[in-house]
Amino acid sequence: MRSLGLILLLLFAFQSCEKSGNGRTKGLKKIHEIFVHGQISECELNKELVYLGVHNNKEGYNTIYDVNGDQIAGCYWGCFSQPDSRCNELKDCELIYCIPNNIWGHPAKDSYNLGFK
């Protein structure tokens, strides 16, 4: 009986992890659709995982998204705009997606197999 309870507990825990992973993947795919010709980094903001998307152009704006793929801040450094203060609070950013032949000179990268177009 104890082993049956343990098996059920482990099965429930596995399904919970799987569901949260799927939500994260769905959000990342949503961000990838926007930045398919750019780059995406995983960062920490207030101890939460966020994504930083950058278009492959010289406009100089980045956008921060939560794990659901919803925009939470715009980082627009321009003549007439100020970036959201959260843009300066990002920590431990790691590049996870970058198109080939980009303006930054970075090698192509696709850590989660999102796919190049």
PDB file of N, CA and C in Angstrom:
ATOM      1  N   MET A   1       0.813  -1.189   0.000  1.00  0.00           N
ATOM      2  CA  MET A   1       0.000   0.000   0.000  1.00  0.00           C
ATOM      3  C   MET A   1       0.864   1.263   0.000  1.00  0.00           C
ATOM      4  N   ARG A   2       1.939   1.226   0.810  1.00  0.00           N
ATOM      5  CA  ARG A   2       2.823   2.395   0.870  1.00  0.00           C
ATOM      6  C   ARG A   2       3.463   2.675  -0.482  1.00  0.00           C
ATOM      7  N   SER A   3       3.879   1.617  -1.155  1.00  0.00           N
ATOM      8  CA  SER A   3       4.528   1.812  -2.452  1.00  0.00           C
ATOM      9  C   SER A   3       3.547   2.367  -3.485  1.00  0.00           C
ATOM     10  N   LEU A   4       2.273   1.970  -3.404  1.00  0.00           N
ATOM     11  CA  LEU A   4       1.270   2.518  -4.309  1.00  0.00           C
ATOM     12  C   LEU A   4       1.104   4.022  -4.067  1.00  0.00           C
ATOM     13  N   GLY A   5       1.075   4.415  -2.796  1.00  0.00           N
ATOM     14  CA  GLY A   5       0.976   5.837  -2.457  1.00  0.00           C
ATOM     15  C   GLY A   5       2.178   6.613  -2.958  1.00  0.00           C
ATOM     16  N   LEU A   6       3.368   6.042  -2.818  1.00  0.00           N
ATOM     17  CA  LEU A   6       4.592   6.697  -3.281  1.00  0.00           C
ATOM     18  C   LEU A   6       4.585   6.833  -4.801  1.00  0.00           C
ATOM     19  N   ILE A   7       4.132   5.803  -5.482  1.00  0.00           N
ATOM     20  CA  ILE A   7       4.066   5.852  -6.944  1.00  0.00           C
ATOM     21  C   ILE A   7       3.096   6.937  -7.399  1.00  0.00           C
ATOM     22  N   LEU A   8       1.928   6.995  -6.747  1.00  0.00           N
ATOM     23  CA  LEU A   8       0.956   8.031  -7.099  1.00  0.00           C
ATOM     24  C   LEU A   8       1.496   9.427  -6.824  1.00  0.00           C
ATOM     25  N   LEU A   9       2.198   9.591  -5.707  1.00  0.00           N
ATOM     26  CA  LEU A   9       2.792  10.886  -5.379  1.00  0.00           C
ATOM     27  C   LEU A   9       3.820  11.295  -6.428  1.00  0.00           C
ATOM     28  N   LEU A  10       4.684  10.371  -6.820  1.00  0.00           N
ATOM     29  CA  LEU A  10       5.693  10.674  -7.842  1.00  0.00           C
ATOM     30  C   LEU A  10       5.052  10.969  -9.189  1.00  0.00           C
ATOM     31  N   LEU A  11       4.013  10.229  -9.530  1.00  0.00           N
ATOM     32  CA  LEU A  11       3.309  10.471 -10.789  1.00  0.00           C
ATOM     33  C   LEU A  11       2.688  11.864 -10.805  1.00  0.00           C
ATOM     34  N   PHE A  12       2.056  12.263  -9.703  1.00  0.00           N
ATOM     35  CA  PHE A  12       1.465  13.586  -9.592  1.00  0.00           C
ATOM     36  C   PHE A  12       2.547  14.670  -9.705  1.00  0.00           C
ATOM     37  N   ALA A  13       3.669  14.469  -9.024  1.00  0.00           N
ATOM     38  CA  ALA A  13       4.762  15.450  -9.070  1.00  0.00           C
ATOM     39  C   ALA A  13       5.305  15.579 -10.488  1.00  0.00           C
ATOM     40  N   PHE A  14       5.453  14.459 -11.184  1.00  0.00           N
ATOM     41  CA  PHE A  14       5.955  14.493 -12.552  1.00  0.00           C
ATOM     42  C   PHE A  14       5.001  15.249 -13.471  1.00  0.00           C
ATOM     43  N   GLN A  15       3.698  15.005 -13.328  1.00  0.00           N
ATOM     44  CA  GLN A  15       2.718  15.695 -14.161  1.00  0.00           C
ATOM     45  C   GLN A  15       2.703  17.183 -13.879  1.00  0.00           C
ATOM     46  N   SER A  16       2.884  17.579 -12.633  1.00  0.00           N
ATOM     47  CA  SER A  16       2.916  19.004 -12.289  1.00  0.00           C
ATOM     48  C   SER A  16       4.105  19.686 -12.932  1.00  0.00           C
ATOM     49  N   CYS A  17       5.258  19.031 -12.886  1.00  0.00           N
ATOM     50  CA  CYS A  17       6.451  19.610 -13.518  1.00  0.00           C
ATOM     51  C   CYS A  17       6.261  19.703 -15.022  1.00  0.00           C
ATOM     52  N   GLU A  18       5.673  18.685 -15.597  1.00  0.00           N
ATOM     53  CA  GLU A  18       5.463  18.662 -17.036  1.00  0.00           C
ATOM     54  C   GLU A  18       4.542  19.805 -17.464  1.00  0.00           C
ATOM     55  N   LYS A  19       3.495  20.059 -16.701  1.00  0.00           N
ATOM     56  CA  LYS A  19       2.568  21.124 -17.042  1.00  0.00           C
ATOM     57  C   LYS A  19       3.240  22.487 -16.976  1.00  0.00           C
ATOM     58  N   SER A  20       4.043  22.723 -15.932  1.00  0.00           N
ATOM     59  CA  SER A  20       4.698  24.025 -15.835  1.00  0.00           C
ATOM     60  C   SER A  20       5.726  24.189 -16.938  1.00  0.00           C
ATOM     61  N   GLY A  21       6.404  23.107 -17.317  1.00  0.00           N
ATOM     62  CA  GLY A  21       7.349  23.183 -18.421  1.00  0.00           C
ATOM     63  C   GLY A  21       6.671  23.502 -19.730  1.00  0.00           C
ATOM     64  N   ASN A  22       5.478  22.923 -19.945  1.00  0.00           N
ATOM     65  CA  ASN A  22       4.738  23.190 -21.177  1.00  0.00           C
ATOM     66  C   ASN A  22       4.311  24.643 -21.245  1.00  0.00           C
ATOM     67  N   GLY A  23       3.916  25.224 -20.123  1.00  0.00           N
ATOM     68  CA  GLY A  23       3.539  26.632 -20.105  1.00  0.00           C
ATOM     69  C   GLY A  23       4.704  27.515 -20.480  1.00  0.00           C
ATOM     70  N   ARG A  24       5.868  27.186 -19.968  1.00  0.00           N
ATOM     71  CA  ARG A  24       7.070  27.952 -20.282  1.00  0.00           C
ATOM     72  C   ARG A  24       7.404  27.818 -21.759  1.00  0.00           C
ATOM     73  N   THR A  25       7.312  26.612 -22.279  1.00  0.00           N
ATOM     74  CA  THR A  25       7.610  26.383 -23.692  1.00  0.00           C
ATOM     75  C   THR A  25       6.635  27.150 -24.573  1.00  0.00           C
ATOM     76  N   LYS A  26       5.360  27.159 -24.197  1.00  0.00           N
ATOM     77  CA  LYS A  26       4.355  27.874 -24.977  1.00  0.00           C
ATOM     78  C   LYS A  26       4.671  29.369 -25.011  1.00  0.00           C
ATOM     79  N   GLY A  27       5.058  29.928 -23.863  1.00  0.00           N
ATOM     80  CA  GLY A  27       5.417  31.342 -23.806  1.00  0.00           C
ATOM     81  C   GLY A  27       6.651  31.649 -24.630  1.00  0.00           C
ATOM     82  N   LEU A  28       7.635  30.763 -24.572  1.00  0.00           N
ATOM     83  CA  LEU A  28       8.864  30.966 -25.339  1.00  0.00           C
ATOM     84  C   LEU A  28       8.590  30.884 -26.833  1.00  0.00           C
ATOM     85  N   LYS A  29       7.722  29.996 -27.240  1.00  0.00           N
ATOM     86  CA  LYS A  29       7.363  29.907 -28.666  1.00  0.00           C
ATOM     87  C   LYS A  29       6.664  31.184 -29.132  1.00  0.00           C
ATOM     88  N   LYS A  30       5.847  31.739 -28.266  1.00  0.00           N
ATOM     89  CA  LYS A  30       5.157  33.002 -28.577  1.00  0.00           C
ATOM     90  C   LYS A  30       6.177  34.132 -28.779  1.00  0.00           C
ATOM     91  N   ILE A  31       7.183  34.187 -27.931  1.00  0.00           N
ATOM     92  CA  ILE A  31       8.243  35.197 -28.050  1.00  0.00           C
ATOM     93  C   ILE A  31       9.069  34.945 -29.310  1.00  0.00           C
ATOM     94  N   HIS A  32       9.335  33.672 -29.588  1.00  0.00           N
ATOM     95  CA  HIS A  32      10.115  33.315 -30.777  1.00  0.00           C
ATOM     96  C   HIS A  32       9.435  33.786 -32.056  1.00  0.00           C
ATOM     97  N   GLU A  33       8.104  33.735 -32.104  1.00  0.00           N
ATOM     98  CA  GLU A  33       7.382  34.208 -33.288  1.00  0.00           C
ATOM     99  C   GLU A  33       7.670  35.690 -33.551  1.00  0.00           C
ATOM    100  N   ILE A  34       7.864  36.454 -32.501  1.00  0.00           N
ATOM    101  CA  ILE A  34       8.149  37.885 -32.635  1.00  0.00           C
ATOM    102  C   ILE A  34       9.609  38.123 -33.008  1.00  0.00           C
ATOM    103  N   PHE A  35      10.514  37.336 -32.424  1.00  0.00           N
ATOM    104  CA  PHE A  35      11.948  37.561 -32.602  1.00  0.00           C
ATOM    105  C   PHE A  35      12.616  36.453 -33.412  1.00  0.00           C
ATOM    106  N   VAL A  36      11.879  35.848 -34.328  1.00  0.00           N
ATOM    107  CA  VAL A  36      12.423  34.770 -35.148  1.00  0.00           C
ATOM    108  C   VAL A  36      13.637  35.249 -35.952  1.00  0.00           C
ATOM    109  N   HIS A  37      13.707  36.532 -36.252  1.00  0.00           N
ATOM    110  CA  HIS A  37      14.850  37.104 -36.983  1.00  0.00           C
ATOM    111  C   HIS A  37      15.704  37.972 -36.066  1.00  0.00           C
ATOM    112  N   GLY A  38      15.783  37.606 -34.799  1.00  0.00           N
ATOM    113  CA  GLY A  38      16.548  38.378 -33.819  1.00  0.00           C
ATOM    114  C   GLY A  38      17.249  37.482 -32.836  1.00  0.00           C
ATOM    115  N   GLN A  39      17.219  37.897 -31.560  1.00  0.00           N
ATOM    116  CA  GLN A  39      17.819  37.074 -30.522  1.00  0.00           C
ATOM    117  C   GLN A  39      16.966  37.125 -29.261  1.00  0.00           C
ATOM    118  N   ILE A  40      17.066  36.069 -28.463  1.00  0.00           N
ATOM    119  CA  ILE A  40      16.332  35.948 -27.206  1.00  0.00           C
ATOM    120  C   ILE A  40      17.310  35.498 -26.134  1.00  0.00           C
ATOM    121  N   SER A  41      17.218  36.131 -24.970  1.00  0.00           N
ATOM    122  CA  SER A  41      18.032  35.734 -23.826  1.00  0.00           C
ATOM    123  C   SER A  41      17.132  35.407 -22.646  1.00  0.00           C
ATOM    124  N   GLU A  42      17.567  34.478 -21.815  1.00  0.00           N
ATOM    125  CA  GLU A  42      16.916  34.211 -20.539  1.00  0.00           C
ATOM    126  C   GLU A  42      17.616  35.053 -19.496  1.00  0.00           C
ATOM    127  N   CYS A  43      16.840  35.732 -18.666  1.00  0.00           N
ATOM    128  CA  CYS A  43      17.410  36.597 -17.637  1.00  0.00           C
ATOM    129  C   CYS A  43      16.651  36.409 -16.331  1.00  0.00           C
ATOM    130  N   GLU A  44      17.200  36.984 -15.295  1.00  0.00           N
ATOM    131  CA  GLU A  44      16.532  37.018 -14.000  1.00  0.00           C
ATOM    132  C   GLU A  44      16.118  38.453 -13.713  1.00  0.00           C
ATOM    133  N   LEU A  45      14.886  38.623 -13.273  1.00  0.00           N
ATOM    134  CA  LEU A  45      14.369  39.930 -12.879  1.00  0.00           C
ATOM    135  C   LEU A  45      13.580  39.724 -11.592  1.00  0.00           C
ATOM    136  N   ASN A  46      14.060  40.319 -10.524  1.00  0.00           N
ATOM    137  CA  ASN A  46      13.421  40.144  -9.214  1.00  0.00           C
ATOM    138  C   ASN A  46      13.229  38.673  -8.860  1.00  0.00           C
ATOM    139  N   LYS A  47      14.271  37.886  -9.110  1.00  0.00           N
ATOM    140  CA  LYS A  47      14.300  36.442  -8.815  1.00  0.00           C
ATOM    141  C   LYS A  47      13.309  35.623  -9.633  1.00  0.00           C
ATOM    142  N   GLU A  48      12.839  36.173 -10.734  1.00  0.00           N
ATOM    143  CA  GLU A  48      11.927  35.476 -11.644  1.00  0.00           C
ATOM    144  C   GLU A  48      12.596  35.331 -13.007  1.00  0.00           C
ATOM    145  N   LEU A  49      12.286  34.237 -13.702  1.00  0.00           N
ATOM    146  CA  LEU A  49      12.781  34.033 -15.058  1.00  0.00           C
ATOM    147  C   LEU A  49      12.007  34.925 -16.011  1.00  0.00           C
ATOM    148  N   VAL A  50      12.724  35.657 -16.839  1.00  0.00           N
ATOM    149  CA  VAL A  50      12.118  36.473 -17.894  1.00  0.00           C
ATOM    150  C   VAL A  50      12.933  36.283 -19.166  1.00  0.00           C
ATOM    151  N   TYR A  51      12.374  36.757 -20.267  1.00  0.00           N
ATOM    152  CA  TYR A  51      13.061  36.689 -21.549  1.00  0.00           C
ATOM    153  C   TYR A  51      13.265  38.092 -22.087  1.00  0.00           C
ATOM    154  N   LEU A  52      14.402  38.306 -22.700  1.00  0.00           N
ATOM    155  CA  LEU A  52      14.721  39.580 -23.332  1.00  0.00           C
ATOM    156  C   LEU A  52      14.814  39.338 -24.832  1.00  0.00           C
ATOM    157  N   GLY A  53      13.937  39.976 -25.592  1.00  0.00           N
ATOM    158  CA  GLY A  53      13.932  39.829 -27.041  1.00  0.00           C
ATOM    159  C   GLY A  53      14.522  41.059 -27.709  1.00  0.00           C
ATOM    160  N   VAL A  54      15.319  40.826 -28.752  1.00  0.00           N
ATOM    161  CA  VAL A  54      15.968  41.912 -29.484  1.00  0.00           C
ATOM    162  C   VAL A  54      15.819  41.643 -30.983  1.00  0.00           C
ATOM    163  N   HIS A  55      15.339  42.642 -31.704  1.00  0.00           N
ATOM    164  CA  HIS A  55      15.241  42.519 -33.159  1.00  0.00           C
ATOM    165  C   HIS A  55      16.614  42.710 -33.792  1.00  0.00           C
ATOM    166  N   ASN A  56      16.825  42.097 -34.928  1.00  0.00           N
ATOM    167  CA  ASN A  56      18.099  42.169 -35.655  1.00  0.00           C
ATOM    168  C   ASN A  56      18.149  43.446 -36.490  1.00  0.00           C
ATOM    169  N   ASN A  57      18.169  44.583 -35.800  1.00  0.00           N
ATOM    170  CA  ASN A  57      18.293  45.871 -36.487  1.00  0.00           C
ATOM    171  C   ASN A  57      18.989  46.863 -35.563  1.00  0.00           C
ATOM    172  N   LYS A  58      19.262  48.029 -36.066  1.00  0.00           N
ATOM    173  CA  LYS A  58      20.024  49.017 -35.293  1.00  0.00           C
ATOM    174  C   LYS A  58      19.133  50.000 -34.545  1.00  0.00           C
ATOM    175  N   GLU A  59      17.844  49.712 -34.419  1.00  0.00           N
ATOM    176  CA  GLU A  59      16.927  50.614 -33.731  1.00  0.00           C
ATOM    177  C   GLU A  59      17.240  50.729 -32.247  1.00  0.00           C
ATOM    178  N   GLY A  60      17.824  49.691 -31.670  1.00  0.00           N
ATOM    179  CA  GLY A  60      18.250  49.768 -30.283  1.00  0.00           C
ATOM    180  C   GLY A  60      17.152  49.586 -29.255  1.00  0.00           C
ATOM    181  N   TYR A  61      16.132  48.782 -29.549  1.00  0.00           N
ATOM    182  CA  TYR A  61      15.126  48.529 -28.519  1.00  0.00           C
ATOM    183  C   TYR A  61      15.012  47.042 -28.232  1.00  0.00           C
ATOM    184  N   ASN A  62      14.804  46.766 -26.972  1.00  0.00           N
ATOM    185  CA  ASN A  62      14.652  45.408 -26.470  1.00  0.00           C
ATOM    186  C   ASN A  62      13.317  45.343 -25.739  1.00  0.00           C
ATOM    187  N   THR A  63      12.814  44.140 -25.552  1.00  0.00           N
ATOM    188  CA  THR A  63      11.552  43.973 -24.849  1.00  0.00           C
ATOM    189  C   THR A  63      11.676  42.817 -23.869  1.00  0.00           C
ATOM    190  N   ILE A  64      11.154  43.012 -22.660  1.00  0.00           N
ATOM    191  CA  ILE A  64      11.172  41.976 -21.638  1.00  0.00           C
ATOM    192  C   ILE A  64       9.806  41.300 -21.589  1.00  0.00           C
ATOM    193  N   TYR A  65       9.837  39.966 -21.535  1.00  0.00           N
ATOM    194  CA  TYR A  65       8.623  39.147 -21.497  1.00  0.00           C
ATOM    195  C   TYR A  65       8.672  38.209 -20.291  1.00  0.00           C
ATOM    196  N   ASP A  66       7.496  37.871 -19.759  1.00  0.00           N
ATOM    197  CA  ASP A  66       7.448  36.873 -18.698  1.00  0.00           C
ATOM    198  C   ASP A  66       7.429  35.477 -19.328  1.00  0.00           C
ATOM    199  N   VAL A  67       7.371  34.433 -18.493  1.00  0.00           N
ATOM    200  CA  VAL A  67       7.434  33.064 -19.011  1.00  0.00           C
ATOM    201  C   VAL A  67       6.202  32.672 -19.815  1.00  0.00           C
ATOM    202  N   ASN A  68       5.124  33.442 -19.697  1.00  0.00           N
ATOM    203  CA  ASN A  68       3.921  33.181 -20.488  1.00  0.00           C
ATOM    204  C   ASN A  68       3.979  33.845 -21.860  1.00  0.00           C
ATOM    205  N   GLY A  69       5.036  34.624 -22.108  1.00  0.00           N
ATOM    206  CA  GLY A  69       5.170  35.312 -23.386  1.00  0.00           C
ATOM    207  C   GLY A  69       4.488  36.658 -23.418  1.00  0.00           C
ATOM    208  N   ASP A  70       4.106  37.171 -22.245  1.00  0.00           N
ATOM    209  CA  ASP A  70       3.464  38.484 -22.165  1.00  0.00           C
ATOM    210  C   ASP A  70       4.505  39.570 -21.930  1.00  0.00           C
ATOM    211  N   GLN A  71       4.400  40.667 -22.667  1.00  0.00           N
ATOM    212  CA  GLN A  71       5.346  41.770 -22.518  1.00  0.00           C
ATOM    213  C   GLN A  71       5.168  42.436 -21.154  1.00  0.00           C
ATOM    214  N   ILE A  72       6.304  42.660 -20.471  1.00  0.00           N
ATOM    215  CA  ILE A  72       6.228  43.327 -19.171  1.00  0.00           C
ATOM    216  C   ILE A  72       7.015  44.630 -19.137  1.00  0.00           C
ATOM    217  N   ALA A  73       7.889  44.846 -20.107  1.00  0.00           N
ATOM    218  CA  ALA A  73       8.643  46.102 -20.131  1.00  0.00           C
ATOM    219  C   ALA A  73       9.251  46.332 -21.506  1.00  0.00           C
ATOM    220  N   GLY A  74       9.326  47.596 -21.881  1.00  0.00           N
ATOM    221  CA  GLY A  74       9.983  47.984 -23.122  1.00  0.00           C
ATOM    222  C   GLY A  74      11.267  48.740 -22.800  1.00  0.00           C
ATOM    223  N   CYS A  75      12.307  48.382 -23.483  1.00  0.00           N
ATOM    224  CA  CYS A  75      13.612  49.008 -23.254  1.00  0.00           C
ATOM    225  C   CYS A  75      13.990  49.799 -24.501  1.00  0.00           C
ATOM    226  N   TYR A  76      13.376  50.951 -24.669  1.00  0.00           N
ATOM    227  CA  TYR A  76      13.565  51.754 -25.865  1.00  0.00           C
ATOM    228  C   TYR A  76      14.507  52.909 -25.568  1.00  0.00           C
ATOM    229  N   TRP A  77      15.732  52.784 -26.033  1.00  0.00           N
ATOM    230  CA  TRP A  77      16.705  53.860 -25.860  1.00  0.00           C
ATOM    231  C   TRP A  77      16.703  54.712 -27.113  1.00  0.00           C
ATOM    232  N   GLY A  78      15.967  55.787 -27.086  1.00  0.00           N
ATOM    233  CA  GLY A  78      15.883  56.650 -28.253  1.00  0.00           C
ATOM    234  C   GLY A  78      15.945  58.105 -27.845  1.00  0.00           C
ATOM    235  N   CYS A  79      15.884  58.955 -28.819  1.00  0.00           N
ATOM    236  CA  CYS A  79      15.950  60.387 -28.569  1.00  0.00           C
ATOM    237  C   CYS A  79      14.783  60.884 -27.730  1.00  0.00           C
ATOM    238  N   PHE A  80      13.620  60.305 -27.930  1.00  0.00           N
ATOM    239  CA  PHE A  80      12.423  60.818 -27.278  1.00  0.00           C
ATOM    240  C   PHE A  80      11.796  59.833 -26.296  1.00  0.00           C
ATOM    241  N   SER A  81      12.514  58.808 -25.918  1.00  0.00           N
ATOM    242  CA  SER A  81      11.926  57.820 -25.017  1.00  0.00           C
ATOM    243  C   SER A  81      12.915  57.364 -23.962  1.00  0.00           C
ATOM    244  N   GLN A  82      12.390  56.985 -22.838  1.00  0.00           N
ATOM    245  CA  GLN A  82      13.183  56.456 -21.739  1.00  0.00           C
ATOM    246  C   GLN A  82      12.828  54.982 -21.550  1.00  0.00           C
ATOM    247  N   PRO A  83      13.830  54.142 -21.300  1.00  0.00           N
ATOM    248  CA  PRO A  83      13.535  52.729 -21.069  1.00  0.00           C
ATOM    249  C   PRO A  83      12.865  52.529 -19.704  1.00  0.00           C
ATOM    250  N   ASP A  84      12.095  51.483 -19.597  1.00  0.00           N
ATOM    251  CA  ASP A  84      11.509  51.089 -18.323  1.00  0.00           C
ATOM    252  C   ASP A  84      12.651  50.815 -17.339  1.00  0.00           C
ATOM    253  N   SER A  85      12.478  51.176 -16.095  1.00  0.00           N
ATOM    254  CA  SER A  85      13.544  51.002 -15.098  1.00  0.00           C
ATOM    255  C   SER A  85      13.937  49.539 -14.921  1.00  0.00           C
ATOM    256  N   ARG A  86      13.020  48.615 -15.203  1.00  0.00           N
ATOM    257  CA  ARG A  86      13.334  47.188 -15.069  1.00  0.00           C
ATOM    258  C   ARG A  86      14.401  46.728 -16.061  1.00  0.00           C
ATOM    259  N   CYS A  87      14.599  47.482 -17.120  1.00  0.00           N
ATOM    260  CA  CYS A  87      15.609  47.112 -18.116  1.00  0.00           C
ATOM    261  C   CYS A  87      17.009  47.108 -17.517  1.00  0.00           C
ATOM    262  N   ASN A  88      17.225  47.949 -16.529  1.00  0.00           N
ATOM    263  CA  ASN A  88      18.532  48.016 -15.871  1.00  0.00           C
ATOM    264  C   ASN A  88      18.646  47.047 -14.702  1.00  0.00           C
ATOM    265  N   GLU A  89      17.590  46.311 -14.413  1.00  0.00           N
ATOM    266  CA  GLU A  89      17.589  45.392 -13.286  1.00  0.00           C
ATOM    267  C   GLU A  89      17.754  43.931 -13.695  1.00  0.00           C
ATOM    268  N   LEU A  90      17.919  43.677 -14.984  1.00  0.00           N
ATOM    269  CA  LEU A  90      18.098  42.302 -15.456  1.00  0.00           C
ATOM    270  C   LEU A  90      19.436  41.752 -14.982  1.00  0.00           C
ATOM    271  N   LYS A  91      19.432  40.482 -14.592  1.00  0.00           N
ATOM    272  CA  LYS A  91      20.657  39.830 -14.120  1.00  0.00           C
ATOM    273  C   LYS A  91      20.837  38.494 -14.823  1.00  0.00           C
ATOM    274  N   ASP A  92      22.088  38.078 -14.891  1.00  0.00           N
ATOM    275  CA  ASP A  92      22.447  36.739 -15.364  1.00  0.00           C
ATOM    276  C   ASP A  92      21.800  36.368 -16.698  1.00  0.00           C
ATOM    277  N   CYS A  93      21.840  37.263 -17.650  1.00  0.00           N
ATOM    278  CA  CYS A  93      21.252  36.984 -18.960  1.00  0.00           C
ATOM    279  C   CYS A  93      22.121  35.988 -19.726  1.00  0.00           C
ATOM    280  N   GLU A  94      21.449  35.022 -20.333  1.00  0.00           N
ATOM    281  CA  GLU A  94      22.134  34.027 -21.153  1.00  0.00           C
ATOM    282  C   GLU A  94      21.434  33.938 -22.501  1.00  0.00           C
ATOM    283  N   LEU A  95      22.199  34.096 -23.547  1.00  0.00           N
ATOM    284  CA  LEU A  95      21.663  34.024 -24.906  1.00  0.00           C
ATOM    285  C   LEU A  95      21.211  32.598 -25.191  1.00  0.00           C
ATOM    286  N   ILE A  96      19.939  32.445 -25.599  1.00  0.00           N
ATOM    287  CA  ILE A  96      19.414  31.110 -25.891  1.00  0.00           C
ATOM    288  C   ILE A  96      19.018  30.954 -27.361  1.00  0.00           C
ATOM    289  N   TYR A  97      18.862  32.077 -28.070  1.00  0.00           N
ATOM    290  CA  TYR A  97      18.471  32.020 -29.478  1.00  0.00           C
ATOM    291  C   TYR A  97      19.084  33.209 -30.201  1.00  0.00           C
ATOM    292  N   CYS A  98      19.711  32.933 -31.330  1.00  0.00           N
ATOM    293  CA  CYS A  98      20.280  34.007 -32.138  1.00  0.00           C
ATOM    294  C   CYS A  98      20.351  33.526 -33.587  1.00  0.00           C
ATOM    295  N   ILE A  99      19.809  34.335 -34.490  1.00  0.00           N
ATOM    296  CA  ILE A  99      19.799  33.940 -35.897  1.00  0.00           C
ATOM    297  C   ILE A  99      21.205  33.964 -36.482  1.00  0.00           C
ATOM    298  N   PRO A 100      21.433  33.175 -37.528  1.00  0.00           N
ATOM    299  CA  PRO A 100      22.714  33.253 -38.227  1.00  0.00           C
ATOM    300  C   PRO A 100      22.837  34.606 -38.939  1.00  0.00           C
ATOM    301  N   ASN A 101      24.029  35.008 -39.243  1.00  0.00           N
ATOM    302  CA  ASN A 101      24.303  36.235 -39.994  1.00  0.00           C
ATOM    303  C   ASN A 101      23.608  37.450 -39.385  1.00  0.00           C
ATOM    304  N   ASN A 102      23.810  37.653 -38.096  1.00  0.00           N
ATOM    305  CA  ASN A 102      23.152  38.744 -37.392  1.00  0.00           C
ATOM    306  C   ASN A 102      24.059  39.969 -37.310  1.00  0.00           C
ATOM    307  N   ILE A 103      23.502  41.106 -36.925  1.00  0.00           N
ATOM    308  CA  ILE A 103      24.270  42.357 -36.886  1.00  0.00           C
ATOM    309  C   ILE A 103      25.246  42.418 -35.709  1.00  0.00           C
ATOM    310  N   TRP A 104      25.096  41.531 -34.738  1.00  0.00           N
ATOM    311  CA  TRP A 104      25.963  41.563 -33.559  1.00  0.00           C
ATOM    312  C   TRP A 104      27.234  40.752 -33.754  1.00  0.00           C
ATOM    313  N   GLY A 105      27.269  39.921 -34.792  1.00  0.00           N
ATOM    314  CA  GLY A 105      28.427  39.075 -35.026  1.00  0.00           C
ATOM    315  C   GLY A 105      28.465  37.846 -34.128  1.00  0.00           C
ATOM    316  N   HIS A 106      27.330  37.521 -33.473  1.00  0.00           N
ATOM    317  CA  HIS A 106      27.255  36.330 -32.624  1.00  0.00           C
ATOM    318  C   HIS A 106      27.074  35.091 -33.483  1.00  0.00           C
ATOM    319  N   PRO A 107      27.583  33.958 -33.017  1.00  0.00           N
ATOM    320  CA  PRO A 107      27.283  32.717 -33.737  1.00  0.00           C
ATOM    321  C   PRO A 107      25.805  32.361 -33.573  1.00  0.00           C
ATOM    322  N   ALA A 108      25.269  31.651 -34.537  1.00  0.00           N
ATOM    323  CA  ALA A 108      23.878  31.204 -34.451  1.00  0.00           C
ATOM    324  C   ALA A 108      23.722  30.282 -33.253  1.00  0.00           C
ATOM    325  N   LYS A 109      22.571  30.390 -32.584  1.00  0.00           N
ATOM    326  CA  LYS A 109      22.317  29.568 -31.407  1.00  0.00           C
ATOM    327  C   LYS A 109      20.820  29.311 -31.295  1.00  0.00           C
ATOM    328  N   ASP A 110      20.467  28.075 -30.937  1.00  0.00           N
ATOM    329  CA  ASP A 110      19.068  27.713 -30.752  1.00  0.00           C
ATOM    330  C   ASP A 110      19.002  26.654 -29.643  1.00  0.00           C
ATOM    331  N   SER A 111      19.123  27.081 -28.407  1.00  0.00           N
ATOM    332  CA  SER A 111      19.232  26.179 -27.260  1.00  0.00           C
ATOM    333  C   SER A 111      18.001  25.310 -27.050  1.00  0.00           C
ATOM    334  N   TYR A 112      16.823  25.784 -27.426  1.00  0.00           N
ATOM    335  CA  TYR A 112      15.589  25.040 -27.212  1.00  0.00           C
ATOM    336  C   TYR A 112      14.954  24.543 -28.503  1.00  0.00           C
ATOM    337  N   ASN A 113      15.743  24.499 -29.573  1.00  0.00           N
ATOM    338  CA  ASN A 113      15.270  24.001 -30.874  1.00  0.00           C
ATOM    339  C   ASN A 113      13.981  24.690 -31.312  1.00  0.00           C
ATOM    340  N   LEU A 114      13.977  26.002 -31.240  1.00  0.00           N
ATOM    341  CA  LEU A 114      12.824  26.786 -31.666  1.00  0.00           C
ATOM    342  C   LEU A 114      12.714  26.836 -33.186  1.00  0.00           C
ATOM    343  N   GLY A 115      13.850  26.780 -33.862  1.00  0.00           N
ATOM    344  CA  GLY A 115      13.888  26.739 -35.318  1.00  0.00           C
ATOM    345  C   GLY A 115      14.186  28.074 -35.952  1.00  0.00           C
ATOM    346  N   PHE A 116      15.084  28.041 -36.924  1.00  0.00           N
ATOM    347  CA  PHE A 116      15.405  29.231 -37.712  1.00  0.00           C
ATOM    348  C   PHE A 116      14.484  29.279 -38.924  1.00  0.00           C
ATOM    349  N   LYS A 117      14.115  30.477 -39.357  1.00  0.00           N
ATOM    350  CA  LYS A 117      13.278  30.612 -40.568  1.00  0.00           C
ATOM    351  C   LYS A 117      13.988  31.481 -41.569  1.00  0.00           C
TER     352      LYS A 117
END
